[in-house]
PDB file of N, CA and C in Angstrom:
ATOM      1  N   UNK A   1     115.064  82.166 144.477  1.00  0.00           N
ATOM      2  CA  UNK A   1     115.062  83.467 143.820  1.00  0.00           C
ATOM      3  C   UNK A   1     116.225  83.576 142.835  1.00  0.00           C
ATOM      4  N   UNK A   2     117.403  83.098 143.263  1.00  0.00           N
ATOM      5  CA  UNK A   2     118.566  83.164 142.379  1.00  0.00           C
ATOM      6  C   UNK A   2     118.371  82.253 141.164  1.00  0.00           C
ATOM      7  N   UNK A   3     117.794  81.072 141.375  1.00  0.00           N
ATOM      8  CA  UNK A   3     117.559  80.152 140.263  1.00  0.00           C
ATOM      9  C   UNK A   3     116.574  80.757 139.273  1.00  0.00           C
ATOM     10  N   UNK A   4     115.580  81.444 139.767  1.00  0.00           N
ATOM     11  CA  UNK A   4     114.603  82.094 138.905  1.00  0.00           C
ATOM     12  C   UNK A   4     115.252  83.196 138.072  1.00  0.00           C
ATOM     13  N   UNK A   5     116.101  83.984 138.701  1.00  0.00           N
ATOM     14  CA  UNK A   5     116.814  85.052 137.994  1.00  0.00           C
ATOM     15  C   UNK A   5     117.744  84.484 136.942  1.00  0.00           C
ATOM     16  N   UNK A   6     118.464  83.432 137.305  1.00  0.00           N
ATOM     17  CA  UNK A   6     119.382  82.797 136.366  1.00  0.00           C
ATOM     18  C   UNK A   6     118.620  82.228 135.171  1.00  0.00           C
ATOM     19  N   UNK A   7     117.508  81.561 135.436  1.00  0.00           N
ATOM     20  CA  UNK A   7     116.699  81.002 134.351  1.00  0.00           C
ATOM     21  C   UNK A   7     116.224  82.105 133.411  1.00  0.00           C
ATOM     22  N   UNK A   8     115.806  83.210 133.976  1.00  0.00           N
ATOM     23  CA  UNK A   8     115.344  84.339 133.156  1.00  0.00           C
ATOM     24  C   UNK A   8     116.484  84.910 132.321  1.00  0.00           C
ATOM     25  N   UNK A   9     117.637  85.094 132.940  1.00  0.00           N
ATOM     26  CA  UNK A   9     118.789  85.677 132.240  1.00  0.00           C
ATOM     27  C   UNK A   9     119.286  84.776 131.114  1.00  0.00           C
ATOM     28  N   UNK A  10     119.179  83.473 131.283  1.00  0.00           N
ATOM     29  CA  UNK A  10     119.599  82.550 130.229  1.00  0.00           C
ATOM     30  C   UNK A  10     118.518  82.342 129.178  1.00  0.00           C
ATOM     31  N   UNK A  11     117.269  82.395 129.587  1.00  0.00           N
ATOM     32  CA  UNK A  11     116.168  82.168 128.655  1.00  0.00           C
ATOM     33  C   UNK A  11     116.120  83.240 127.567  1.00  0.00           C
ATOM     34  N   UNK A  12     116.407  84.481 127.918  1.00  0.00           N
ATOM     35  CA  UNK A  12     116.341  85.558 126.929  1.00  0.00           C
ATOM     36  C   UNK A  12     117.290  85.335 125.759  1.00  0.00           C
ATOM     37  N   UNK A  13     118.592  85.159 125.987  1.00  0.00           N
ATOM     38  CA  UNK A  13     119.469  84.952 124.825  1.00  0.00           C
ATOM     39  C   UNK A  13     119.208  83.630 124.109  1.00  0.00           C
ATOM     40  N   UNK A  14     118.825  82.583 124.838  1.00  0.00           N
ATOM     41  CA  UNK A  14     118.556  81.308 124.184  1.00  0.00           C
ATOM     42  C   UNK A  14     117.320  81.391 123.298  1.00  0.00           C
ATOM     43  N   UNK A  15     116.295  82.097 123.747  1.00  0.00           N
ATOM     44  CA  UNK A  15     115.112  82.300 122.915  1.00  0.00           C
ATOM     45  C   UNK A  15     115.454  83.125 121.677  1.00  0.00           C
ATOM     46  N   UNK A  16     116.280  84.148 121.862  1.00  0.00           N
ATOM     47  CA  UNK A  16     116.696  84.975 120.727  1.00  0.00           C
ATOM     48  C   UNK A  16     117.460  84.138 119.706  1.00  0.00           C
ATOM     49  N   UNK A  17     118.355  83.288 120.184  1.00  0.00           N
ATOM     50  CA  UNK A  17     119.122  82.417 119.282  1.00  0.00           C
ATOM     51  C   UNK A  17     118.171  81.529 118.484  1.00  0.00           C
ATOM     52  N   UNK A  18     117.249  80.883 119.163  1.00  0.00           N
ATOM     53  CA  UNK A  18     116.301  79.993 118.488  1.00  0.00           C
ATOM     54  C   UNK A  18     115.491  80.745 117.441  1.00  0.00           C
ATOM     55  N   UNK A  19     114.996  81.915 117.791  1.00  0.00           N
ATOM     56  CA  UNK A  19     114.184  82.697 116.854  1.00  0.00           C
ATOM     57  C   UNK A  19     115.003  83.173 115.658  1.00  0.00           C
ATOM     58  N   UNK A  20     116.205  83.645 115.906  1.00  0.00           N
ATOM     59  CA  UNK A  20     117.055  84.120 114.817  1.00  0.00           C
ATOM     60  C   UNK A  20     117.421  82.986 113.862  1.00  0.00           C
ATOM     61  N   UNK A  21     117.733  81.831 114.399  1.00  0.00           N
ATOM     62  CA  UNK A  21     118.102  80.707 113.546  1.00  0.00           C
ATOM     63  C   UNK A  21     116.899  80.138 112.798  1.00  0.00           C
ATOM     64  N   UNK A  22     115.736  80.127 113.432  1.00  0.00           N
ATOM     65  CA  UNK A  22     114.526  79.682 112.741  1.00  0.00           C
ATOM     66  C   UNK A  22     114.208  80.607 111.570  1.00  0.00           C
ATOM     67  N   UNK A  23     114.304  81.901 111.817  1.00  0.00           N
ATOM     68  CA  UNK A  23     114.067  82.864 110.741  1.00  0.00           C
ATOM     69  C   UNK A  23     115.090  82.735 109.632  1.00  0.00           C
ATOM     70  N   UNK A  24     116.330  82.492 110.000  1.00  0.00           N
ATOM     71  CA  UNK A  24     117.386  82.315 109.003  1.00  0.00           C
ATOM     72  C   UNK A  24     117.110  81.092 108.139  1.00  0.00           C
ATOM     73  N   UNK A  25     116.687  80.023 108.774  1.00  0.00           N
ATOM     74  CA  UNK A  25     116.374  78.790 108.027  1.00  0.00           C
ATOM     75  C   UNK A  25     115.268  79.053 107.016  1.00  0.00           C
ATOM     76  N   UNK A  26     114.260  79.798 107.417  1.00  0.00           N
ATOM     77  CA  UNK A  26     113.154  80.117 106.491  1.00  0.00           C
ATOM     78  C   UNK A  26     113.648  80.946 105.317  1.00  0.00           C
ATOM     79  N   UNK A  27     114.518  81.902 105.589  1.00  0.00           N
ATOM     80  CA  UNK A  27     115.066  82.718 104.506  1.00  0.00           C
ATOM     81  C   UNK A  27     115.925  81.877 103.566  1.00  0.00           C
ATOM     82  N   UNK A  28     116.710  80.980 104.124  1.00  0.00           N
ATOM     83  CA  UNK A  28     117.531  80.097 103.289  1.00  0.00           C
ATOM     84  C   UNK A  28     116.644  79.216 102.421  1.00  0.00           C
ATOM     85  N   UNK A  29     115.583  78.679 103.024  1.00  0.00           N
ATOM     86  CA  UNK A  29     114.679  77.794 102.280  1.00  0.00           C
ATOM     87  C   UNK A  29     113.991  78.515 101.122  1.00  0.00           C
ATOM     88  N   UNK A  30     113.787  79.823 101.258  1.00  0.00           N
ATOM     89  CA  UNK A  30     113.178  80.585 100.152  1.00  0.00           C
ATOM     90  C   UNK A  30     114.116  80.661  98.956  1.00  0.00           C
ATOM     91  N   UNK A  31     115.419  80.597  99.249  1.00  0.00           N
ATOM     92  CA  UNK A  31     116.405  80.546  98.182  1.00  0.00           C
ATOM     93  C   UNK A  31     116.622  81.840  97.425  1.00  0.00           C
ATOM     94  N   UNK A  32     116.223  82.948  97.999  1.00  0.00           N
ATOM     95  CA  UNK A  32     116.415  84.228  97.312  1.00  0.00           C
ATOM     96  C   UNK A  32     117.772  84.809  97.685  1.00  0.00           C
ATOM     97  N   UNK A  33     118.532  85.135  96.684  1.00  0.00           N
ATOM     98  CA  UNK A  33     119.864  85.690  96.920  1.00  0.00           C
ATOM     99  C   UNK A  33     119.791  86.999  97.704  1.00  0.00           C
ATOM    100  N   UNK A  34     118.716  87.734  97.534  1.00  0.00           N
ATOM    101  CA  UNK A  34     118.557  89.011  98.236  1.00  0.00           C
ATOM    102  C   UNK A  34     118.462  88.834  99.749  1.00  0.00           C
ATOM    103  N   UNK A  35     118.122  87.619 100.210  1.00  0.00           N
ATOM    104  CA  UNK A  35     117.983  87.364 101.654  1.00  0.00           C
ATOM    105  C   UNK A  35     119.311  87.028 102.334  1.00  0.00           C
ATOM    106  N   UNK A  36     120.359  86.838 101.568  1.00  0.00           N
ATOM    107  CA  UNK A  36     121.634  86.427 102.149  1.00  0.00           C
ATOM    108  C   UNK A  36     122.157  87.414 103.187  1.00  0.00           C
ATOM    109  N   UNK A  37     122.014  88.699 102.933  1.00  0.00           N
ATOM    110  CA  UNK A  37     122.488  89.693 103.908  1.00  0.00           C
ATOM    111  C   UNK A  37     121.695  89.591 105.210  1.00  0.00           C
ATOM    112  N   UNK A  38     120.397  89.341 105.116  1.00  0.00           N
ATOM    113  CA  UNK A  38     119.566  89.181 106.316  1.00  0.00           C
ATOM    114  C   UNK A  38     119.990  87.942 107.104  1.00  0.00           C
ATOM    115  N   UNK A  39     120.296  86.875 106.384  1.00  0.00           N
ATOM    116  CA  UNK A  39     120.720  85.641 107.048  1.00  0.00           C
ATOM    117  C   UNK A  39     122.053  85.858 107.765  1.00  0.00           C
ATOM    118  N   UNK A  40     122.987  86.511 107.089  1.00  0.00           N
ATOM    119  CA  UNK A  40     124.285  86.782 107.732  1.00  0.00           C
ATOM    120  C   UNK A  40     124.107  87.625 108.988  1.00  0.00           C
ATOM    121  N   UNK A  41     123.267  88.644 108.898  1.00  0.00           N
ATOM    122  CA  UNK A  41     123.035  89.506 110.066  1.00  0.00           C
ATOM    123  C   UNK A  41     122.400  88.715 111.205  1.00  0.00           C
ATOM    124  N   UNK A  42     121.435  87.868 110.881  1.00  0.00           N
ATOM    125  CA  UNK A  42     120.768  87.073 111.916  1.00  0.00           C
ATOM    126  C   UNK A  42     121.751  86.102 112.569  1.00  0.00           C
ATOM    127  N   UNK A  43     122.630  85.505 111.775  1.00  0.00           N
ATOM    128  CA  UNK A  43     123.618  84.582 112.332  1.00  0.00           C
ATOM    129  C   UNK A  43     124.579  85.334 113.247  1.00  0.00           C
ATOM    130  N   UNK A  44     124.987  86.528 112.843  1.00  0.00           N
ATOM    131  CA  UNK A  44     125.855  87.343 113.705  1.00  0.00           C
ATOM    132  C   UNK A  44     125.158  87.683 115.017  1.00  0.00           C
ATOM    133  N   UNK A  45     123.887  88.040 114.922  1.00  0.00           N
ATOM    134  CA  UNK A  45     123.143  88.367 116.142  1.00  0.00           C
ATOM    135  C   UNK A  45     122.980  87.140 117.036  1.00  0.00           C
ATOM    136  N   UNK A  46     122.745  85.976 116.433  1.00  0.00           N
ATOM    137  CA  UNK A  46     122.623  84.739 117.212  1.00  0.00           C
ATOM    138  C   UNK A  46     123.942  84.431 117.919  1.00  0.00           C
ATOM    139  N   UNK A  47     125.050  84.622 117.213  1.00  0.00           N
ATOM    140  CA  UNK A  47     126.365  84.392 117.827  1.00  0.00           C
ATOM    141  C   UNK A  47     126.575  85.325 119.019  1.00  0.00           C
ATOM    142  N   UNK A  48     126.174  86.573 118.881  1.00  0.00           N
ATOM    143  CA  UNK A  48     126.301  87.527 119.992  1.00  0.00           C
ATOM    144  C   UNK A  48     125.445  87.105 121.184  1.00  0.00           C
ATOM    145  N   UNK A  49     124.259  86.585 120.912  1.00  0.00           N
ATOM    146  CA  UNK A  49     123.395  86.126 121.998  1.00  0.00           C
ATOM    147  C   UNK A  49     123.992  84.905 122.691  1.00  0.00           C
ATOM    148  N   UNK A  50     124.644  84.032 121.922  1.00  0.00           N
ATOM    149  CA  UNK A  50     125.304  82.867 122.528  1.00  0.00           C
ATOM    150  C   UNK A  50     126.423  83.323 123.455  1.00  0.00           C
ATOM    151  N   UNK A  51     127.174  84.332 123.027  1.00  0.00           N
ATOM    152  CA  UNK A  51     128.224  84.880 123.888  1.00  0.00           C
ATOM    153  C   UNK A  51     127.626  85.510 125.139  1.00  0.00           C
ATOM    154  N   UNK A  52     126.488  86.161 124.979  1.00  0.00           N
ATOM    155  CA  UNK A  52     125.800  86.766 126.130  1.00  0.00           C
ATOM    156  C   UNK A  52     125.402  85.689 127.134  1.00  0.00           C
ATOM    157  N   UNK A  53     124.853  84.581 126.661  1.00  0.00           N
ATOM    158  CA  UNK A  53     124.474  83.483 127.560  1.00  0.00           C
ATOM    159  C   UNK A  53     125.711  82.919 128.255  1.00  0.00           C
ATOM    160  N   UNK A  54     126.806  82.801 127.521  1.00  0.00           N
ATOM    161  CA  UNK A  54     128.051  82.325 128.117  1.00  0.00           C
ATOM    162  C   UNK A  54     128.555  83.247 129.201  1.00  0.00           C
ATOM    163  N   UNK A  55     128.403  84.545 128.997  1.00  0.00           N
ATOM    164  CA  UNK A  55     128.824  85.513 130.016  1.00  0.00           C
ATOM    165  C   UNK A  55     127.978  85.395 131.274  1.00  0.00           C
ATOM    166  N   UNK A  56     126.689  85.131 131.115  1.00  0.00           N
ATOM    167  CA  UNK A  56     125.826  84.939 132.285  1.00  0.00           C
ATOM    168  C   UNK A  56     126.330  83.742 133.088  1.00  0.00           C
ATOM    169  N   UNK A  57     126.634  82.664 132.406  1.00  0.00           N
ATOM    170  CA  UNK A  57     127.131  81.463 133.083  1.00  0.00           C
ATOM    171  C   UNK A  57     128.477  81.757 133.746  1.00  0.00           C
ATOM    172  N   UNK A  58     129.355  82.453 133.048  1.00  0.00           N
ATOM    173  CA  UNK A  58     130.669  82.789 133.603  1.00  0.00           C
ATOM    174  C   UNK A  58     130.523  83.644 134.868  1.00  0.00           C
ATOM    175  N   UNK A  59     129.643  84.645 134.823  1.00  0.00           N
ATOM    176  CA  UNK A  59     129.440  85.494 136.012  1.00  0.00           C
ATOM    177  C   UNK A  59     128.875  84.680 137.171  1.00  0.00           C
ATOM    178  N   UNK A  60     127.981  83.742 136.855  1.00  0.00           N
ATOM    179  CA  UNK A  60     127.402  82.924 137.907  1.00  0.00           C
ATOM    180  C   UNK A  60     128.462  82.016 138.523  1.00  0.00           C
ATOM    181  N   UNK A  61     129.344  81.433 137.715  1.00  0.00           N
ATOM    182  CA  UNK A  61     130.432  80.607 138.252  1.00  0.00           C
ATOM    183  C   UNK A  61     131.342  81.431 139.140  1.00  0.00           C
ATOM    184  N   UNK A  62     131.674  82.642 138.718  1.00  0.00           N
ATOM    185  CA  UNK A  62     132.510  83.514 139.547  1.00  0.00           C
ATOM    186  C   UNK A  62     131.820  83.838 140.866  1.00  0.00           C
ATOM    187  N   UNK A  63     130.542  84.087 140.800  1.00  0.00           N
ATOM    188  CA  UNK A  63     129.746  84.411 141.982  1.00  0.00           C
ATOM    189  C   UNK A  63     129.782  83.245 142.974  1.00  0.00           C
ATOM    190  N   UNK A  64     129.565  82.035 142.481  1.00  0.00           N
ATOM    191  CA  UNK A  64     129.539  80.859 143.341  1.00  0.00           C
ATOM    192  C   UNK A  64     130.940  80.562 143.885  1.00  0.00           C
ATOM    193  N   UNK A  65     131.946  80.734 143.032  1.00  0.00           N
ATOM    194  CA  UNK A  65     133.330  80.466 143.450  1.00  0.00           C
ATOM    195  C   UNK A  65     133.752  81.392 144.595  1.00  0.00           C
ATOM    196  N   UNK A  66     133.306  82.630 144.572  1.00  0.00           N
ATOM    197  CA  UNK A  66     133.660  83.585 145.629  1.00  0.00           C
ATOM    198  C   UNK A  66     132.913  83.298 146.923  1.00  0.00           C
ATOM    199  N   UNK A  67     131.848  82.503 146.817  1.00  0.00           N
ATOM    200  CA  UNK A  67     131.065  82.200 148.007  1.00  0.00           C
ATOM    201  C   UNK A  67     130.194  83.368 148.426  1.00  0.00           C
ATOM    202  N   UNK A  68     129.874  84.231 147.461  1.00  0.00           N
ATOM    203  CA  UNK A  68     129.043  85.397 147.770  1.00  0.00           C
ATOM    204  C   UNK A  68     127.629  84.943 148.109  1.00  0.00           C
ATOM    205  N   UNK A  69     126.984  85.732 148.908  1.00  0.00           N
ATOM    206  CA  UNK A  69     125.603  85.404 149.268  1.00  0.00           C
ATOM    207  C   UNK A  69     124.682  86.493 148.780  1.00  0.00           C
TER     208      UNK A  69
END
């Protein structure tokens, strides 16, 4: 049950990162200067999702270190 919850909690931000970066790549490939603000915003959002995934891992390490059940 815990492994399933952990997988779900990590899958959400990782999927968001992949989607945001894929969309950013498409905007970059279009080469329109007007898309630069969208790309910057998507990269910022991807960075935030990466931090979110890191926090999930950090909380899980703390949980295991305490020996909580």
